[in-house]
Amino acid sequence: MIKIFYLLLSIAIIGSSSLPTAAQETQEKESDEISVSSVLQQRSFTYNPAGRRDPFRNLLSGADLKEGVAEGGISQMSIDDLILIGIIKFKGKLSGIIKGPQGFPYKIKTGDKFEDGFVLSIRNNAVVFRKTKERGFPLYKPRDITKEINPEER
């Protein structure tokens, strides 16, 4: 019986020393909260795009868009590859609708530049282009190219 008493007493002593008291628990929790908050304050998050688009930037804000994005696409096309689709008259000014090599439509106006020339004039049924280069080399005498709308499309 005395052996059992000593065994239970030793278990109680060992168990009580391994269990923290209420004061120790609150101190440990406070120290954990302090260490976590200090780690978060010390660690600041940064993003290095390394040539990629920033995923946190709003795509609809338009801050990165430059004026004349459409002209950038047109300026890479050759006049020979264009097909005139239609002519638009808005507020007394004429604009042309062309189809590029990939089949996408573009709106053009007088003065728009292309890879090998520019738009000289727009009439009711035709667009006149002035070709100033041929295969990247300047022409001695610029050529005017007229592209008309097909009569069945008028």
N, C-alpha and C. Protein backbone atom coordinates (compact mmCIF):
# COMPACT_ATOMS: atom_id res chain seq x y z
N MET A 1 0.81 -1.17 0.00
CA MET A 1 0.00 0.00 0.00
C MET A 1 0.87 1.25 0.00
N ILE A 2 1.94 1.25 0.75
CA ILE A 2 2.85 2.39 0.80
C ILE A 2 3.52 2.57 -0.57
N LYS A 3 3.79 1.50 -1.25
CA LYS A 3 4.41 1.59 -2.57
C LYS A 3 3.46 2.28 -3.56
N ILE A 4 2.21 1.94 -3.47
CA ILE A 4 1.21 2.55 -4.35
C ILE A 4 1.09 4.04 -4.03
N PHE A 5 1.11 4.38 -2.73
CA PHE A 5 1.03 5.78 -2.32
C PHE A 5 2.20 6.57 -2.86
N TYR A 6 3.44 6.03 -2.73
CA TYR A 6 4.61 6.72 -3.25
C TYR A 6 4.57 6.82 -4.78
N LEU A 7 4.05 5.82 -5.42
CA LEU A 7 3.94 5.83 -6.87
C LEU A 7 2.96 6.93 -7.32
N LEU A 8 1.81 7.03 -6.68
CA LEU A 8 0.83 8.06 -7.03
C LEU A 8 1.36 9.45 -6.71
N LEU A 9 2.08 9.55 -5.55
CA LEU A 9 2.66 10.84 -5.17
C LEU A 9 3.73 11.28 -6.18
N SER A 10 4.56 10.37 -6.64
CA SER A 10 5.59 10.72 -7.62
C SER A 10 4.96 11.08 -8.97
N ILE A 11 3.90 10.39 -9.34
CA ILE A 11 3.21 10.72 -10.59
C ILE A 11 2.59 12.10 -10.48
N ALA A 12 2.00 12.41 -9.34
CA ALA A 12 1.38 13.73 -9.14
C ALA A 12 2.43 14.84 -9.18
N ILE A 13 3.60 14.60 -8.60
CA ILE A 13 4.66 15.62 -8.59
C ILE A 13 5.21 15.81 -10.00
N ILE A 14 5.45 14.73 -10.68
CA ILE A 14 5.99 14.83 -12.04
C ILE A 14 4.95 15.48 -12.97
N GLY A 15 3.71 15.10 -12.85
CA GLY A 15 2.64 15.66 -13.67
C GLY A 15 2.41 17.13 -13.41
N SER A 16 2.50 17.55 -12.14
CA SER A 16 2.27 18.96 -11.81
C SER A 16 3.43 19.84 -12.29
N SER A 17 4.63 19.28 -12.32
CA SER A 17 5.77 20.08 -12.78
C SER A 17 5.73 20.24 -14.30
N SER A 18 5.15 19.27 -15.03
CA SER A 18 5.09 19.37 -16.48
C SER A 18 3.92 20.24 -16.93
N LEU A 19 2.88 20.39 -16.13
CA LEU A 19 1.75 21.23 -16.49
C LEU A 19 2.02 22.67 -16.06
N PRO A 20 1.87 23.63 -16.98
CA PRO A 20 2.11 25.02 -16.59
C PRO A 20 0.94 25.56 -15.78
N THR A 21 1.25 26.51 -14.99
CA THR A 21 0.19 27.14 -14.20
C THR A 21 -0.51 28.17 -15.07
N ALA A 22 -1.59 28.74 -14.59
CA ALA A 22 -2.37 29.72 -15.35
C ALA A 22 -1.53 30.96 -15.65
N ALA A 23 -0.70 31.37 -14.71
CA ALA A 23 0.14 32.55 -14.92
C ALA A 23 1.18 32.28 -16.00
N GLN A 24 1.75 31.05 -15.99
CA GLN A 24 2.72 30.71 -17.01
C GLN A 24 2.08 30.68 -18.39
N GLU A 25 0.84 30.17 -18.47
CA GLU A 25 0.14 30.10 -19.75
C GLU A 25 -0.10 31.48 -20.33
N THR A 26 -0.54 32.43 -19.53
CA THR A 26 -0.80 33.79 -20.04
C THR A 26 0.50 34.46 -20.48
N GLN A 27 1.59 34.21 -19.72
CA GLN A 27 2.87 34.80 -20.11
C GLN A 27 3.35 34.22 -21.46
N GLU A 28 3.17 32.91 -21.63
CA GLU A 28 3.58 32.28 -22.87
C GLU A 28 2.75 32.79 -24.05
N LYS A 29 1.44 32.94 -23.87
CA LYS A 29 0.57 33.44 -24.94
C LYS A 29 0.96 34.86 -25.32
N GLU A 30 1.23 35.70 -24.32
CA GLU A 30 1.62 37.08 -24.59
C GLU A 30 2.95 37.13 -25.33
N SER A 31 3.89 36.27 -24.91
CA SER A 31 5.19 36.26 -25.58
C SER A 31 5.05 35.75 -27.01
N ASP A 32 4.16 34.76 -27.25
CA ASP A 32 3.92 34.26 -28.61
C ASP A 32 3.32 35.36 -29.48
N GLU A 33 2.34 36.10 -28.94
CA GLU A 33 1.71 37.18 -29.70
C GLU A 33 2.71 38.28 -30.02
N ILE A 34 3.56 38.58 -29.07
CA ILE A 34 4.58 39.61 -29.29
C ILE A 34 5.56 39.16 -30.35
N SER A 35 5.98 37.91 -30.31
CA SER A 35 6.96 37.44 -31.29
C SER A 35 6.34 37.37 -32.69
N VAL A 36 5.06 36.96 -32.80
CA VAL A 36 4.41 36.89 -34.11
C VAL A 36 4.23 38.29 -34.68
N SER A 37 3.79 39.24 -33.87
CA SER A 37 3.59 40.60 -34.37
C SER A 37 4.92 41.25 -34.72
N SER A 38 5.97 40.96 -33.95
CA SER A 38 7.27 41.55 -34.28
C SER A 38 7.82 40.96 -35.57
N VAL A 39 7.56 39.67 -35.83
CA VAL A 39 8.01 39.05 -37.07
C VAL A 39 7.27 39.67 -38.25
N LEU A 40 5.96 39.89 -38.12
CA LEU A 40 5.18 40.48 -39.21
C LEU A 40 5.59 41.92 -39.47
N GLN A 41 5.94 42.65 -38.43
CA GLN A 41 6.37 44.03 -38.62
C GLN A 41 7.74 44.08 -39.29
N GLN A 42 8.61 43.16 -38.97
CA GLN A 42 9.95 43.16 -39.53
C GLN A 42 9.92 42.68 -40.99
N ARG A 43 9.00 41.81 -41.32
CA ARG A 43 8.96 41.21 -42.66
C ARG A 43 8.02 42.02 -43.55
N SER A 44 8.56 42.69 -44.53
CA SER A 44 7.73 43.44 -45.47
C SER A 44 7.71 42.68 -46.80
N PHE A 45 6.57 42.67 -47.45
CA PHE A 45 6.41 41.92 -48.68
C PHE A 45 6.61 42.85 -49.87
N THR A 46 7.41 42.41 -50.82
CA THR A 46 7.64 43.16 -52.04
C THR A 46 7.42 42.24 -53.22
N TYR A 47 7.17 42.84 -54.38
CA TYR A 47 6.95 42.07 -55.60
C TYR A 47 7.95 42.51 -56.64
N ASN A 48 8.72 41.59 -57.15
CA ASN A 48 9.68 41.87 -58.20
C ASN A 48 9.13 41.28 -59.50
N PRO A 49 8.65 42.13 -60.42
CA PRO A 49 8.00 41.59 -61.62
C PRO A 49 8.95 40.88 -62.57
N ALA A 50 10.20 41.28 -62.62
CA ALA A 50 11.20 40.65 -63.49
C ALA A 50 10.69 40.52 -64.92
N GLY A 51 10.12 41.61 -65.44
CA GLY A 51 9.65 41.63 -66.82
C GLY A 51 8.23 41.14 -67.02
N ARG A 52 7.57 40.68 -65.96
CA ARG A 52 6.20 40.21 -66.08
C ARG A 52 5.24 41.31 -65.65
N ARG A 53 3.96 41.14 -66.01
CA ARG A 53 2.91 42.07 -65.63
C ARG A 53 2.65 41.94 -64.14
N ASP A 54 2.40 43.06 -63.48
CA ASP A 54 2.11 43.07 -62.05
C ASP A 54 0.70 42.52 -61.84
N PRO A 55 0.53 41.37 -61.17
CA PRO A 55 -0.80 40.78 -61.03
C PRO A 55 -1.71 41.56 -60.10
N PHE A 56 -1.18 42.50 -59.34
CA PHE A 56 -1.99 43.26 -58.39
C PHE A 56 -2.49 44.57 -58.99
N ARG A 57 -2.08 44.91 -60.19
CA ARG A 57 -2.52 46.15 -60.83
C ARG A 57 -3.89 45.92 -61.47
N ASN A 58 -4.76 46.89 -61.36
CA ASN A 58 -6.10 46.80 -61.92
C ASN A 58 -6.01 46.85 -63.44
N LEU A 59 -6.54 45.84 -64.10
CA LEU A 59 -6.46 45.78 -65.55
C LEU A 59 -7.39 46.78 -66.23
N LEU A 60 -8.45 47.18 -65.54
CA LEU A 60 -9.42 48.07 -66.14
C LEU A 60 -9.13 49.54 -65.88
N SER A 61 -8.09 49.85 -65.12
CA SER A 61 -7.82 51.24 -64.78
C SER A 61 -7.30 52.03 -65.98
N GLY A 62 -6.60 51.38 -66.89
CA GLY A 62 -6.10 52.05 -68.09
C GLY A 62 -4.89 52.92 -67.83
N ALA A 63 -4.27 52.81 -66.67
CA ALA A 63 -3.11 53.66 -66.35
C ALA A 63 -1.92 53.32 -67.23
N ASP A 64 -1.80 52.06 -67.64
CA ASP A 64 -0.66 51.66 -68.44
C ASP A 64 -0.91 51.81 -69.94
N LEU A 65 -2.17 52.07 -70.33
CA LEU A 65 -2.48 52.20 -71.75
C LEU A 65 -1.99 53.52 -72.29
N LYS A 66 -1.41 53.48 -73.44
CA LYS A 66 -0.93 54.69 -74.09
C LYS A 66 -1.93 55.06 -75.18
N GLU A 67 -1.97 56.33 -75.51
CA GLU A 67 -2.82 56.78 -76.60
C GLU A 67 -2.28 56.21 -77.90
N GLY A 68 -3.19 55.83 -78.78
CA GLY A 68 -2.78 55.36 -80.09
C GLY A 68 -2.32 53.92 -80.10
N VAL A 69 -2.91 53.07 -79.25
CA VAL A 69 -2.54 51.66 -79.26
C VAL A 69 -2.90 51.04 -80.60
N ALA A 70 -4.06 51.42 -81.15
CA ALA A 70 -4.49 50.87 -82.43
C ALA A 70 -3.53 51.28 -83.55
N GLU A 71 -3.00 52.50 -83.49
CA GLU A 71 -2.08 52.95 -84.52
C GLU A 71 -0.80 52.13 -84.49
N GLY A 72 -0.42 51.62 -83.32
CA GLY A 72 0.78 50.79 -83.23
C GLY A 72 0.62 49.53 -84.06
N GLY A 73 -0.59 48.95 -84.08
CA GLY A 73 -0.85 47.77 -84.88
C GLY A 73 -0.89 48.10 -86.35
N ILE A 74 -1.47 49.26 -86.70
CA ILE A 74 -1.57 49.67 -88.10
C ILE A 74 -0.20 50.01 -88.66
N SER A 75 0.64 50.62 -87.87
CA SER A 75 1.94 51.07 -88.37
C SER A 75 2.84 49.90 -88.78
N GLN A 76 2.52 48.69 -88.38
CA GLN A 76 3.33 47.53 -88.75
C GLN A 76 2.83 46.83 -90.00
N MET A 77 1.71 47.33 -90.60
CA MET A 77 1.13 46.67 -91.77
C MET A 77 1.62 47.31 -93.07
N SER A 78 1.65 46.51 -94.09
CA SER A 78 2.01 47.00 -95.41
C SER A 78 0.73 47.37 -96.16
N ILE A 79 0.80 48.38 -97.00
CA ILE A 79 -0.37 48.85 -97.75
C ILE A 79 -0.87 47.76 -98.71
N ASP A 80 0.03 46.97 -99.27
CA ASP A 80 -0.36 45.92 -100.21
C ASP A 80 -1.20 44.83 -99.54
N ASP A 81 -1.06 44.64 -98.24
CA ASP A 81 -1.78 43.58 -97.54
C ASP A 81 -3.17 44.00 -97.06
N LEU A 82 -3.53 45.25 -97.23
CA LEU A 82 -4.79 45.77 -96.71
C LEU A 82 -5.94 45.56 -97.69
N ILE A 83 -7.14 45.37 -97.14
CA ILE A 83 -8.36 45.27 -97.93
C ILE A 83 -9.33 46.31 -97.39
N LEU A 84 -9.86 47.15 -98.27
CA LEU A 84 -10.81 48.18 -97.86
C LEU A 84 -12.18 47.54 -97.71
N ILE A 85 -12.77 47.68 -96.52
CA ILE A 85 -14.07 47.10 -96.24
C ILE A 85 -15.18 48.13 -96.41
N GLY A 86 -14.95 49.35 -95.90
CA GLY A 86 -16.01 50.35 -95.98
C GLY A 86 -15.51 51.74 -95.67
N ILE A 87 -16.41 52.70 -95.88
CA ILE A 87 -16.15 54.11 -95.58
C ILE A 87 -17.24 54.58 -94.62
N ILE A 88 -16.84 55.33 -93.60
CA ILE A 88 -17.77 55.86 -92.61
C ILE A 88 -17.72 57.38 -92.67
N LYS A 89 -18.89 58.00 -92.60
CA LYS A 89 -18.95 59.47 -92.53
C LYS A 89 -19.59 59.82 -91.20
N PHE A 90 -18.80 60.50 -90.34
CA PHE A 90 -19.27 60.88 -89.01
C PHE A 90 -18.91 62.33 -88.75
N LYS A 91 -19.92 63.14 -88.48
CA LYS A 91 -19.75 64.58 -88.26
C LYS A 91 -19.01 65.25 -89.41
N GLY A 92 -19.33 64.85 -90.62
CA GLY A 92 -18.74 65.46 -91.80
C GLY A 92 -17.35 64.98 -92.15
N LYS A 93 -16.76 64.09 -91.37
CA LYS A 93 -15.41 63.58 -91.65
C LYS A 93 -15.51 62.12 -92.10
N LEU A 94 -14.69 61.79 -93.09
CA LEU A 94 -14.67 60.44 -93.61
C LEU A 94 -13.57 59.62 -92.95
N SER A 95 -13.90 58.38 -92.63
CA SER A 95 -12.93 57.42 -92.10
C SER A 95 -13.10 56.13 -92.87
N GLY A 96 -12.04 55.37 -92.97
CA GLY A 96 -12.10 54.10 -93.67
C GLY A 96 -12.00 52.93 -92.72
N ILE A 97 -12.59 51.82 -93.13
CA ILE A 97 -12.48 50.57 -92.38
C ILE A 97 -11.72 49.60 -93.28
N ILE A 98 -10.59 49.13 -92.76
CA ILE A 98 -9.76 48.19 -93.52
C ILE A 98 -9.66 46.87 -92.77
N LYS A 99 -9.29 45.84 -93.51
CA LYS A 99 -9.05 44.53 -92.91
C LYS A 99 -7.57 44.23 -93.08
N GLY A 100 -6.91 43.90 -91.97
CA GLY A 100 -5.48 43.61 -91.99
C GLY A 100 -5.19 42.19 -92.44
N PRO A 101 -3.91 41.80 -92.43
CA PRO A 101 -3.51 40.46 -92.86
C PRO A 101 -4.13 39.33 -92.04
N GLN A 102 -4.35 39.58 -90.73
CA GLN A 102 -4.95 38.54 -89.90
C GLN A 102 -6.47 38.56 -89.95
N GLY A 103 -7.05 39.52 -90.65
CA GLY A 103 -8.50 39.59 -90.80
C GLY A 103 -9.19 40.50 -89.80
N PHE A 104 -8.43 41.20 -88.96
CA PHE A 104 -9.03 42.11 -87.99
C PHE A 104 -9.34 43.45 -88.64
N PRO A 105 -10.50 44.04 -88.32
CA PRO A 105 -10.82 45.35 -88.90
C PRO A 105 -10.15 46.48 -88.13
N TYR A 106 -9.78 47.54 -88.85
CA TYR A 106 -9.18 48.73 -88.26
C TYR A 106 -9.83 49.96 -88.86
N LYS A 107 -9.95 51.00 -88.06
CA LYS A 107 -10.47 52.28 -88.53
C LYS A 107 -9.28 53.17 -88.85
N ILE A 108 -9.31 53.78 -90.03
CA ILE A 108 -8.21 54.66 -90.43
C ILE A 108 -8.76 56.03 -90.79
N LYS A 109 -7.90 57.02 -90.71
CA LYS A 109 -8.26 58.39 -91.11
C LYS A 109 -7.10 58.96 -91.91
N THR A 110 -7.31 60.10 -92.50
CA THR A 110 -6.28 60.75 -93.31
C THR A 110 -5.05 61.05 -92.45
N GLY A 111 -3.89 60.64 -92.94
CA GLY A 111 -2.64 60.88 -92.22
C GLY A 111 -2.12 59.69 -91.45
N ASP A 112 -2.92 58.63 -91.27
CA ASP A 112 -2.44 57.45 -90.54
C ASP A 112 -1.27 56.83 -91.29
N LYS A 113 -0.25 56.43 -90.54
CA LYS A 113 0.98 55.90 -91.13
C LYS A 113 0.97 54.38 -91.12
N PHE A 114 1.58 53.81 -92.14
CA PHE A 114 1.77 52.38 -92.27
C PHE A 114 3.26 52.09 -92.41
N GLU A 115 3.60 50.83 -92.55
CA GLU A 115 5.00 50.45 -92.66
C GLU A 115 5.66 51.05 -93.90
N ASP A 116 4.91 51.12 -94.98
CA ASP A 116 5.50 51.59 -96.23
C ASP A 116 4.81 52.81 -96.82
N GLY A 117 4.04 53.54 -96.02
CA GLY A 117 3.39 54.75 -96.54
C GLY A 117 2.39 55.32 -95.55
N PHE A 118 1.40 56.06 -96.10
CA PHE A 118 0.39 56.68 -95.25
C PHE A 118 -0.89 56.90 -96.05
N VAL A 119 -1.97 57.27 -95.35
CA VAL A 119 -3.26 57.54 -95.99
C VAL A 119 -3.22 58.97 -96.50
N LEU A 120 -3.36 59.13 -97.81
CA LEU A 120 -3.31 60.45 -98.43
C LEU A 120 -4.68 61.13 -98.36
N SER A 121 -5.73 60.41 -98.75
CA SER A 121 -7.08 60.98 -98.70
C SER A 121 -8.12 59.87 -98.66
N ILE A 122 -9.31 60.25 -98.22
CA ILE A 122 -10.44 59.32 -98.17
C ILE A 122 -11.59 59.97 -98.91
N ARG A 123 -12.13 59.25 -99.90
CA ARG A 123 -13.29 59.73 -100.67
C ARG A 123 -14.50 58.87 -100.32
N ASN A 124 -15.64 59.16 -100.94
CA ASN A 124 -16.88 58.44 -100.63
C ASN A 124 -16.81 56.95 -100.94
N ASN A 125 -16.04 56.55 -101.93
CA ASN A 125 -15.99 55.14 -102.30
C ASN A 125 -14.57 54.59 -102.42
N ALA A 126 -13.55 55.38 -102.01
CA ALA A 126 -12.17 54.91 -102.16
C ALA A 126 -11.25 55.57 -101.13
N VAL A 127 -10.13 54.92 -100.87
CA VAL A 127 -9.08 55.46 -100.01
C VAL A 127 -7.80 55.50 -100.84
N VAL A 128 -7.11 56.64 -100.80
CA VAL A 128 -5.87 56.79 -101.55
C VAL A 128 -4.71 56.73 -100.56
N PHE A 129 -3.81 55.78 -100.80
CA PHE A 129 -2.61 55.60 -99.99
C PHE A 129 -1.42 56.12 -100.77
N ARG A 130 -0.45 56.72 -100.10
CA ARG A 130 0.80 57.12 -100.74
C ARG A 130 1.89 56.18 -100.24
N LYS A 131 2.44 55.42 -101.18
CA LYS A 131 3.48 54.44 -100.85
C LYS A 131 4.83 55.11 -101.00
N THR A 132 5.58 55.19 -99.89
CA THR A 132 6.87 55.88 -99.89
C THR A 132 8.05 54.92 -99.80
N LYS A 133 7.78 53.65 -99.47
CA LYS A 133 8.86 52.66 -99.34
C LYS A 133 8.45 51.38 -100.05
N GLU A 134 9.45 50.64 -100.49
CA GLU A 134 9.24 49.32 -101.07
C GLU A 134 10.24 48.37 -100.43
N ARG A 135 9.77 47.40 -99.71
CA ARG A 135 10.60 46.42 -98.99
C ARG A 135 11.60 47.09 -98.05
N GLY A 136 11.19 48.19 -97.43
CA GLY A 136 12.03 48.87 -96.46
C GLY A 136 12.92 49.95 -97.03
N PHE A 137 13.03 50.03 -98.35
CA PHE A 137 13.86 51.05 -98.98
C PHE A 137 12.98 52.19 -99.50
N PRO A 138 13.41 53.44 -99.32
CA PRO A 138 12.60 54.57 -99.81
C PRO A 138 12.51 54.57 -101.34
N LEU A 139 11.34 54.93 -101.84
CA LEU A 139 11.13 55.02 -103.28
C LEU A 139 11.62 56.37 -103.79
N TYR A 140 12.19 56.37 -104.97
CA TYR A 140 12.66 57.62 -105.57
C TYR A 140 11.47 58.53 -105.86
N LYS A 141 10.41 57.95 -106.37
CA LYS A 141 9.18 58.70 -106.65
C LYS A 141 8.03 57.97 -105.95
N PRO A 142 7.40 58.61 -104.93
CA PRO A 142 6.29 57.94 -104.22
C PRO A 142 5.13 57.61 -105.16
N ARG A 143 4.48 56.49 -104.88
CA ARG A 143 3.36 56.00 -105.69
C ARG A 143 2.07 56.15 -104.93
N ASP A 144 1.00 56.53 -105.61
CA ASP A 144 -0.32 56.58 -105.01
C ASP A 144 -1.07 55.30 -105.37
N ILE A 145 -1.63 54.66 -104.34
CA ILE A 145 -2.39 53.43 -104.54
C ILE A 145 -3.82 53.71 -104.09
N THR A 146 -4.77 53.47 -104.98
CA THR A 146 -6.18 53.70 -104.67
C THR A 146 -6.85 52.36 -104.45
N LYS A 147 -7.49 52.22 -103.30
CA LYS A 147 -8.26 51.00 -103.00
C LYS A 147 -9.72 51.41 -102.93
N GLU A 148 -10.53 50.79 -103.78
CA GLU A 148 -11.96 51.10 -103.86
C GLU A 148 -12.79 50.01 -103.21
N ILE A 149 -13.99 50.40 -102.82
CA ILE A 149 -14.95 49.43 -102.30
C ILE A 149 -15.56 48.72 -103.50
N ASN A 150 -15.75 47.41 -103.38
CA ASN A 150 -16.38 46.66 -104.47
C ASN A 150 -17.79 47.21 -104.69
N PRO A 151 -18.23 47.30 -105.96
CA PRO A 151 -19.55 47.87 -106.23
C PRO A 151 -20.69 47.08 -105.56
N GLU A 152 -20.57 45.77 -105.42
CA GLU A 152 -21.62 44.98 -104.79
C GLU A 152 -21.67 45.20 -103.27
N GLU A 153 -20.62 45.76 -102.68
CA GLU A 153 -20.61 46.03 -101.24
C GLU A 153 -21.09 47.44 -100.91
N ARG A 154 -21.29 48.29 -101.90
CA ARG A 154 -21.71 49.68 -101.65
C ARG A 154 -23.11 49.76 -101.16
